[in-house]
Amino acid sequence: MGHAEVAETVRELSGVIFEFGEAKLVNAAKLGDRDAAEQLVERTYSAIYAALYRMCHGDAELAADLTQDTYRKAWESLAGFDGRSKISTWLYRIAYTTFLNHVRRPDRSVELDEGSMEVNDPAPSIEETIGKSEESSMLREAVLALPEDLRFTVTAHFWGDVPIPEIARQEKNTAVAIRKRLRKAFMLLESAMMESRQP
């Protein structure tokens, strides 16, 4: 057995051990073990928050709120987790749905009286950021306008860093089919971006 084969075997075993440990934690959390639930949060929080942060276009406060909602919903439905995918993929799906529900909600902003509060904003001016954020906003809108299966695949893979094989497992599909979805999504996104750039 060569060095590369040994390294691959060690990687595979590490994944099996991690998944076994994850399964034990999930089962313990299902039985009400608070320590197990906290360990699951520690293992997954940064990835879920990072995915939501990207979905929220860099709004840290909104990402934190949606992350908290994600975990609340996850613990309420933990009994329904069947273990077909990793817990992080399942949590990502909940985070994704939580984000979409937030986007679809009517705006609930509260207006302040003029002059009631003065805030100094250290952020760059609108003029400075418009060029950078305009294209990013157009891409984000184009992604959110994709059909559901394509939208989930794109956001899971690129905003949630979920590997293609894991998305395939979650979606009960093959990795080849997921790659085809990504190619189709790229074509639609490219077309949408070209249309939005035209006067």
C-alpha atoms as a PDB file:
ATOM      1  CA  MET A   1       0.000   0.000   0.000  1.00  0.00           C
ATOM      2  CA  GLY A   2       1.529   3.338  -1.106  1.00  0.00           C
ATOM      3  CA  HIS A   3       1.669   6.635   0.809  1.00  0.00           C
ATOM      4  CA  ALA A   4      -1.276   8.127  -1.124  1.00  0.00           C
ATOM      5  CA  GLU A   5      -3.446   5.063  -0.484  1.00  0.00           C
ATOM      6  CA  VAL A   6      -2.651   5.151   3.247  1.00  0.00           C
ATOM      7  CA  ALA A   7      -3.463   8.869   3.410  1.00  0.00           C
ATOM      8  CA  GLU A   8      -6.785   8.278   1.618  1.00  0.00           C
ATOM      9  CA  THR A   9      -7.678   5.429   4.016  1.00  0.00           C
ATOM     10  CA  VAL A  10      -6.904   7.652   7.026  1.00  0.00           C
ATOM     11  CA  ARG A  11      -9.099  10.440   5.572  1.00  0.00           C
ATOM     12  CA  GLU A  12     -11.961   7.996   5.003  1.00  0.00           C
ATOM     13  CA  LEU A  13     -11.673   6.602   8.534  1.00  0.00           C
ATOM     14  CA  SER A  14     -11.560  10.114   9.994  1.00  0.00           C
ATOM     15  CA  GLY A  15     -14.800  10.901   8.189  1.00  0.00           C
ATOM     16  CA  VAL A  16     -16.436   7.707   9.452  1.00  0.00           C
ATOM     17  CA  ILE A  17     -15.315   8.419  13.026  1.00  0.00           C
ATOM     18  CA  PHE A  18     -16.596  12.008  12.784  1.00  0.00           C
ATOM     19  CA  GLU A  19     -19.940  10.871  11.374  1.00  0.00           C
ATOM     20  CA  PHE A  20     -20.217   8.181  14.068  1.00  0.00           C
ATOM     21  CA  GLY A  21     -19.494  10.813  16.728  1.00  0.00           C
ATOM     22  CA  GLU A  22     -22.002  13.138  15.107  1.00  0.00           C
ATOM     23  CA  ALA A  23     -24.658  10.399  15.090  1.00  0.00           C
ATOM     24  CA  LYS A  24     -24.042   9.748  18.791  1.00  0.00           C
ATOM     25  CA  LEU A  25     -24.417  13.453  19.559  1.00  0.00           C
ATOM     26  CA  VAL A  26     -27.604  13.736  17.513  1.00  0.00           C
ATOM     27  CA  ASN A  27     -29.145  10.724  19.243  1.00  0.00           C
ATOM     28  CA  ALA A  28     -28.168  12.082  22.658  1.00  0.00           C
ATOM     29  CA  ALA A  29     -29.601  15.512  21.775  1.00  0.00           C
ATOM     30  CA  LYS A  30     -32.838  13.864  20.640  1.00  0.00           C
ATOM     31  CA  LEU A  31     -33.048  12.316  24.118  1.00  0.00           C
ATOM     32  CA  GLY A  32     -32.640  15.747  25.716  1.00  0.00           C
ATOM     33  CA  ASP A  33     -28.899  15.749  26.449  1.00  0.00           C
ATOM     34  CA  ARG A  34     -28.107  19.463  26.642  1.00  0.00           C
ATOM     35  CA  ASP A  35     -24.318  18.921  26.456  1.00  0.00           C
ATOM     36  CA  ALA A  36     -24.708  16.968  23.219  1.00  0.00           C
ATOM     37  CA  ALA A  37     -26.887  19.734  21.768  1.00  0.00           C
ATOM     38  CA  GLU A  38     -24.290  22.345  22.743  1.00  0.00           C
ATOM     39  CA  GLN A  39     -21.529  20.308  21.089  1.00  0.00           C
ATOM     40  CA  LEU A  40     -23.569  20.102  17.892  1.00  0.00           C
ATOM     41  CA  VAL A  41     -24.021  23.870  17.945  1.00  0.00           C
ATOM     42  CA  GLU A  42     -20.276  24.372  18.529  1.00  0.00           C
ATOM     43  CA  ARG A  43     -19.454  22.115  15.569  1.00  0.00           C
ATOM     44  CA  THR A  44     -21.882  23.754  13.160  1.00  0.00           C
ATOM     45  CA  TYR A  45     -22.495  27.341  14.259  1.00  0.00           C
ATOM     46  CA  SER A  46     -19.721  29.094  12.354  1.00  0.00           C
ATOM     47  CA  ALA A  47     -20.609  27.416   9.042  1.00  0.00           C
ATOM     48  CA  ILE A  48     -24.334  28.155   9.402  1.00  0.00           C
ATOM     49  CA  TYR A  49     -23.692  31.756  10.443  1.00  0.00           C
ATOM     50  CA  ALA A  50     -21.212  32.249   7.560  1.00  0.00           C
ATOM     51  CA  ALA A  51     -23.721  30.921   5.029  1.00  0.00           C
ATOM     52  CA  LEU A  52     -26.451  33.211   6.361  1.00  0.00           C
ATOM     53  CA  TYR A  53     -24.029  36.145   6.471  1.00  0.00           C
ATOM     54  CA  ARG A  54     -23.399  35.673   2.742  1.00  0.00           C
ATOM     55  CA  MET A  55     -27.121  35.276   2.042  1.00  0.00           C
ATOM     56  CA  CYS A  56     -27.829  38.450   4.043  1.00  0.00           C
ATOM     57  CA  HIS A  57     -25.353  40.379   1.931  1.00  0.00           C
ATOM     58  CA  GLY A  58     -22.996  41.011   4.851  1.00  0.00           C
ATOM     59  CA  ASP A  59     -25.619  42.111   7.401  1.00  0.00           C
ATOM     60  CA  ALA A  60     -24.081  40.613  10.561  1.00  0.00           C
ATOM     61  CA  GLU A  61     -27.015  41.435  12.831  1.00  0.00           C
ATOM     62  CA  LEU A  62     -29.585  39.900  10.495  1.00  0.00           C
ATOM     63  CA  ALA A  63     -27.353  36.840   9.967  1.00  0.00           C
ATOM     64  CA  ALA A  64     -27.074  36.376  13.746  1.00  0.00           C
ATOM     65  CA  ASP A  65     -30.858  36.668  14.168  1.00  0.00           C
ATOM     66  CA  LEU A  66     -31.538  34.178  11.375  1.00  0.00           C
ATOM     67  CA  THR A  67     -28.894  31.802  12.778  1.00  0.00           C
ATOM     68  CA  GLN A  68     -30.663  31.880  16.129  1.00  0.00           C
ATOM     69  CA  ASP A  69     -34.018  31.216  14.397  1.00  0.00           C
ATOM     70  CA  THR A  70     -32.398  28.349  12.482  1.00  0.00           C
ATOM     71  CA  TYR A  71     -31.229  26.603  15.643  1.00  0.00           C
ATOM     72  CA  ARG A  72     -34.566  27.200  17.386  1.00  0.00           C
ATOM     73  CA  LYS A  73     -36.402  25.582  14.469  1.00  0.00           C
ATOM     74  CA  ALA A  74     -33.853  22.760  14.299  1.00  0.00           C
ATOM     75  CA  TRP A  75     -34.249  21.824  17.961  1.00  0.00           C
ATOM     76  CA  GLU A  76     -38.037  21.951  17.631  1.00  0.00           C
ATOM     77  CA  SER A  77     -37.859  19.440  14.775  1.00  0.00           C
ATOM     78  CA  LEU A  78     -34.772  17.422  15.767  1.00  0.00           C
ATOM     79  CA  ALA A  79     -36.875  14.306  16.264  1.00  0.00           C
ATOM     80  CA  GLY A  80     -37.575  14.369  12.517  1.00  0.00           C
ATOM     81  CA  PHE A  81     -33.890  14.324  11.543  1.00  0.00           C
ATOM     82  CA  ASP A  82     -33.376  10.891   9.967  1.00  0.00           C
ATOM     83  CA  GLY A  83     -29.596  10.956   9.532  1.00  0.00           C
ATOM     84  CA  ARG A  84     -29.573  10.538   5.734  1.00  0.00           C
ATOM     85  CA  SER A  85     -27.358  13.610   5.511  1.00  0.00           C
ATOM     86  CA  LYS A  86     -24.922  15.286   7.860  1.00  0.00           C
ATOM     87  CA  ILE A  87     -26.459  17.418  10.584  1.00  0.00           C
ATOM     88  CA  SER A  88     -24.720  20.471   9.068  1.00  0.00           C
ATOM     89  CA  THR A  89     -26.461  19.900   5.715  1.00  0.00           C
ATOM     90  CA  TRP A  90     -29.816  19.510   7.465  1.00  0.00           C
ATOM     91  CA  LEU A  91     -29.147  22.721   9.416  1.00  0.00           C
ATOM     92  CA  TYR A  92     -28.143  24.492   6.212  1.00  0.00           C
ATOM     93  CA  ARG A  93     -31.487  23.546   4.647  1.00  0.00           C
ATOM     94  CA  ILE A  94     -33.300  24.998   7.671  1.00  0.00           C
ATOM     95  CA  ALA A  95     -31.129  28.149   7.486  1.00  0.00           C
ATOM     96  CA  TYR A  96     -31.864  28.497   3.788  1.00  0.00           C
ATOM     97  CA  THR A  97     -35.612  28.196   4.355  1.00  0.00           C
ATOM     98  CA  THR A  98     -35.427  30.630   7.283  1.00  0.00           C
ATOM     99  CA  PHE A  99     -33.639  33.130   5.049  1.00  0.00           C
ATOM    100  CA  LEU A 100     -36.188  32.760   2.240  1.00  0.00           C
ATOM    101  CA  ASN A 101     -39.060  33.220   4.704  1.00  0.00           C
ATOM    102  CA  HIS A 102     -37.398  36.391   5.960  1.00  0.00           C
ATOM    103  CA  VAL A 103     -36.946  37.740   2.407  1.00  0.00           C
ATOM    104  CA  ARG A 104     -40.582  37.005   1.574  1.00  0.00           C
ATOM    105  CA  ARG A 105     -41.921  38.730   4.720  1.00  0.00           C
ATOM    106  CA  PRO A 106     -43.376  42.182   4.229  1.00  0.00           C
ATOM    107  CA  ASP A 107     -41.043  44.969   5.386  1.00  0.00           C
ATOM    108  CA  ARG A 108     -41.563  45.664   9.068  1.00  0.00           C
ATOM    109  CA  SER A 109     -39.455  48.780   9.425  1.00  0.00           C
ATOM    110  CA  VAL A 110     -40.335  51.491  11.928  1.00  0.00           C
ATOM    111  CA  GLU A 111     -39.819  55.113  10.990  1.00  0.00           C
ATOM    112  CA  LEU A 112     -38.111  57.408  13.449  1.00  0.00           C
ATOM    113  CA  ASP A 113     -39.083  61.044  13.848  1.00  0.00           C
ATOM    114  CA  GLU A 114     -36.726  63.317  11.938  1.00  0.00           C
ATOM    115  CA  GLY A 115     -34.091  64.801  14.174  1.00  0.00           C
ATOM    116  CA  SER A 116     -34.873  62.429  17.042  1.00  0.00           C
ATOM    117  CA  MET A 117     -31.519  60.719  16.705  1.00  0.00           C
ATOM    118  CA  GLU A 118     -28.228  61.624  15.138  1.00  0.00           C
ATOM    119  CA  VAL A 119     -25.876  58.814  14.222  1.00  0.00           C
ATOM    120  CA  ASN A 120     -22.385  59.168  12.821  1.00  0.00           C
ATOM    121  CA  ASP A 121     -21.800  56.428  10.286  1.00  0.00           C
ATOM    122  CA  PRO A 122     -18.142  55.459   9.847  1.00  0.00           C
ATOM    123  CA  ALA A 123     -18.987  53.358   6.777  1.00  0.00           C
ATOM    124  CA  PRO A 124     -18.004  54.539   3.304  1.00  0.00           C
ATOM    125  CA  SER A 125     -20.465  56.824   1.550  1.00  0.00           C
ATOM    126  CA  ILE A 126     -23.111  55.510  -0.819  1.00  0.00           C
ATOM    127  CA  GLU A 127     -21.183  56.854  -3.785  1.00  0.00           C
ATOM    128  CA  GLU A 128     -18.109  54.877  -2.728  1.00  0.00           C
ATOM    129  CA  THR A 129     -19.934  51.608  -2.292  1.00  0.00           C
ATOM    130  CA  ILE A 130     -22.462  51.771  -5.129  1.00  0.00           C
ATOM    131  CA  GLY A 131     -20.089  50.404  -7.744  1.00  0.00           C
ATOM    132  CA  LYS A 132     -19.065  47.478  -5.545  1.00  0.00           C
ATOM    133  CA  SER A 133     -22.454  46.558  -4.202  1.00  0.00           C
ATOM    134  CA  GLU A 134     -24.600  47.115  -7.294  1.00  0.00           C
ATOM    135  CA  GLU A 135     -23.286  44.091  -9.169  1.00  0.00           C
ATOM    136  CA  SER A 136     -23.304  41.986  -6.026  1.00  0.00           C
ATOM    137  CA  SER A 137     -26.928  42.953  -5.383  1.00  0.00           C
ATOM    138  CA  MET A 138     -27.897  42.128  -8.960  1.00  0.00           C
ATOM    139  CA  LEU A 139     -26.272  38.705  -8.657  1.00  0.00           C
ATOM    140  CA  ARG A 140     -27.977  38.070  -5.316  1.00  0.00           C
ATOM    141  CA  GLU A 141     -31.366  39.011  -6.805  1.00  0.00           C
ATOM    142  CA  ALA A 142     -30.698  36.778  -9.810  1.00  0.00           C
ATOM    143  CA  VAL A 143     -29.837  33.852  -7.525  1.00  0.00           C
ATOM    144  CA  LEU A 144     -33.003  34.384  -5.483  1.00  0.00           C
ATOM    145  CA  ALA A 145     -35.048  34.461  -8.710  1.00  0.00           C
ATOM    146  CA  LEU A 146     -33.820  31.010  -9.815  1.00  0.00           C
ATOM    147  CA  PRO A 147     -36.243  28.071  -9.680  1.00  0.00           C
ATOM    148  CA  GLU A 148     -36.257  26.444  -6.215  1.00  0.00           C
ATOM    149  CA  ASP A 149     -34.097  23.397  -7.031  1.00  0.00           C
ATOM    150  CA  LEU A 150     -31.432  25.504  -8.740  1.00  0.00           C
ATOM    151  CA  ARG A 151     -31.562  28.208  -6.066  1.00  0.00           C
ATOM    152  CA  PHE A 152     -31.045  25.701  -3.251  1.00  0.00           C
ATOM    153  CA  THR A 153     -28.181  24.001  -5.068  1.00  0.00           C
ATOM    154  CA  VAL A 154     -26.369  27.285  -5.788  1.00  0.00           C
ATOM    155  CA  THR A 155     -26.839  28.748  -2.317  1.00  0.00           C
ATOM    156  CA  ALA A 156     -25.991  25.500  -0.541  1.00  0.00           C
ATOM    157  CA  HIS A 157     -22.802  24.973  -2.523  1.00  0.00           C
ATOM    158  CA  PHE A 158     -21.501  28.540  -2.843  1.00  0.00           C
ATOM    159  CA  TRP A 159     -22.990  30.380   0.139  1.00  0.00           C
ATOM    160  CA  GLY A 160     -23.135  27.408   2.491  1.00  0.00           C
ATOM    161  CA  ASP A 161     -19.982  25.586   1.376  1.00  0.00           C
ATOM    162  CA  VAL A 162     -21.936  22.311   1.284  1.00  0.00           C
ATOM    163  CA  PRO A 163     -20.077  19.742  -0.854  1.00  0.00           C
ATOM    164  CA  ILE A 164     -21.816  18.460  -3.983  1.00  0.00           C
ATOM    165  CA  PRO A 165     -22.058  14.840  -2.712  1.00  0.00           C
ATOM    166  CA  GLU A 166     -23.743  16.097   0.462  1.00  0.00           C
ATOM    167  CA  ILE A 167     -26.254  18.166  -1.537  1.00  0.00           C
ATOM    168  CA  ALA A 168     -26.939  15.078  -3.656  1.00  0.00           C
ATOM    169  CA  ARG A 169     -27.673  13.042  -0.528  1.00  0.00           C
ATOM    170  CA  GLN A 170     -29.967  15.731   0.886  1.00  0.00           C
ATOM    171  CA  GLU A 171     -31.790  16.077  -2.426  1.00  0.00           C
ATOM    172  CA  LYS A 172     -31.913  12.282  -3.009  1.00  0.00           C
ATOM    173  CA  ASN A 173     -30.065  12.736  -6.279  1.00  0.00           C
ATOM    174  CA  THR A 174     -26.703  11.969  -7.874  1.00  0.00           C
ATOM    175  CA  ALA A 175     -23.641  14.205  -7.820  1.00  0.00           C
ATOM    176  CA  VAL A 176     -23.799  14.310 -11.630  1.00  0.00           C
ATOM    177  CA  ALA A 177     -27.357  15.644 -11.487  1.00  0.00           C
ATOM    178  CA  ILE A 178     -26.316  18.298  -8.965  1.00  0.00           C
ATOM    179  CA  ARG A 179     -23.442  19.398 -11.226  1.00  0.00           C
ATOM    180  CA  LYS A 180     -25.913  19.656 -14.128  1.00  0.00           C
ATOM    181  CA  ARG A 181     -28.140  21.844 -11.939  1.00  0.00           C
ATOM    182  CA  LEU A 182     -25.171  24.095 -11.232  1.00  0.00           C
ATOM    183  CA  ARG A 183     -24.334  24.400 -14.936  1.00  0.00           C
ATOM    184  CA  LYS A 184     -27.952  25.241 -15.739  1.00  0.00           C
ATOM    185  CA  ALA A 185     -28.035  27.791 -12.914  1.00  0.00           C
ATOM    186  CA  PHE A 186     -24.816  29.408 -14.193  1.00  0.00           C
ATOM    187  CA  MET A 187     -26.323  29.798 -17.661  1.00  0.00           C
ATOM    188  CA  LEU A 188     -29.472  31.402 -16.211  1.00  0.00           C
ATOM    189  CA  LEU A 189     -27.431  33.669 -13.924  1.00  0.00           C
ATOM    190  CA  GLU A 190     -25.169  34.758 -16.759  1.00  0.00           C
ATOM    191  CA  SER A 191     -28.201  35.609 -18.880  1.00  0.00           C
ATOM    192  CA  ALA A 192     -29.868  37.508 -16.020  1.00  0.00           C
ATOM    193  CA  MET A 193     -26.695  39.507 -15.333  1.00  0.00           C
ATOM    194  CA  MET A 194     -26.309  40.401 -19.019  1.00  0.00           C
ATOM    195  CA  GLU A 195     -29.933  41.588 -19.147  1.00  0.00           C
ATOM    196  CA  SER A 196     -29.549  43.686 -16.001  1.00  0.00           C
ATOM    197  CA  ARG A 197     -26.443  45.450 -17.413  1.00  0.00           C
ATOM    198  CA  GLN A 198     -28.226  46.560 -20.593  1.00  0.00           C
ATOM    199  CA  PRO A 199     -29.721  50.078 -20.579  1.00  0.00           C
END
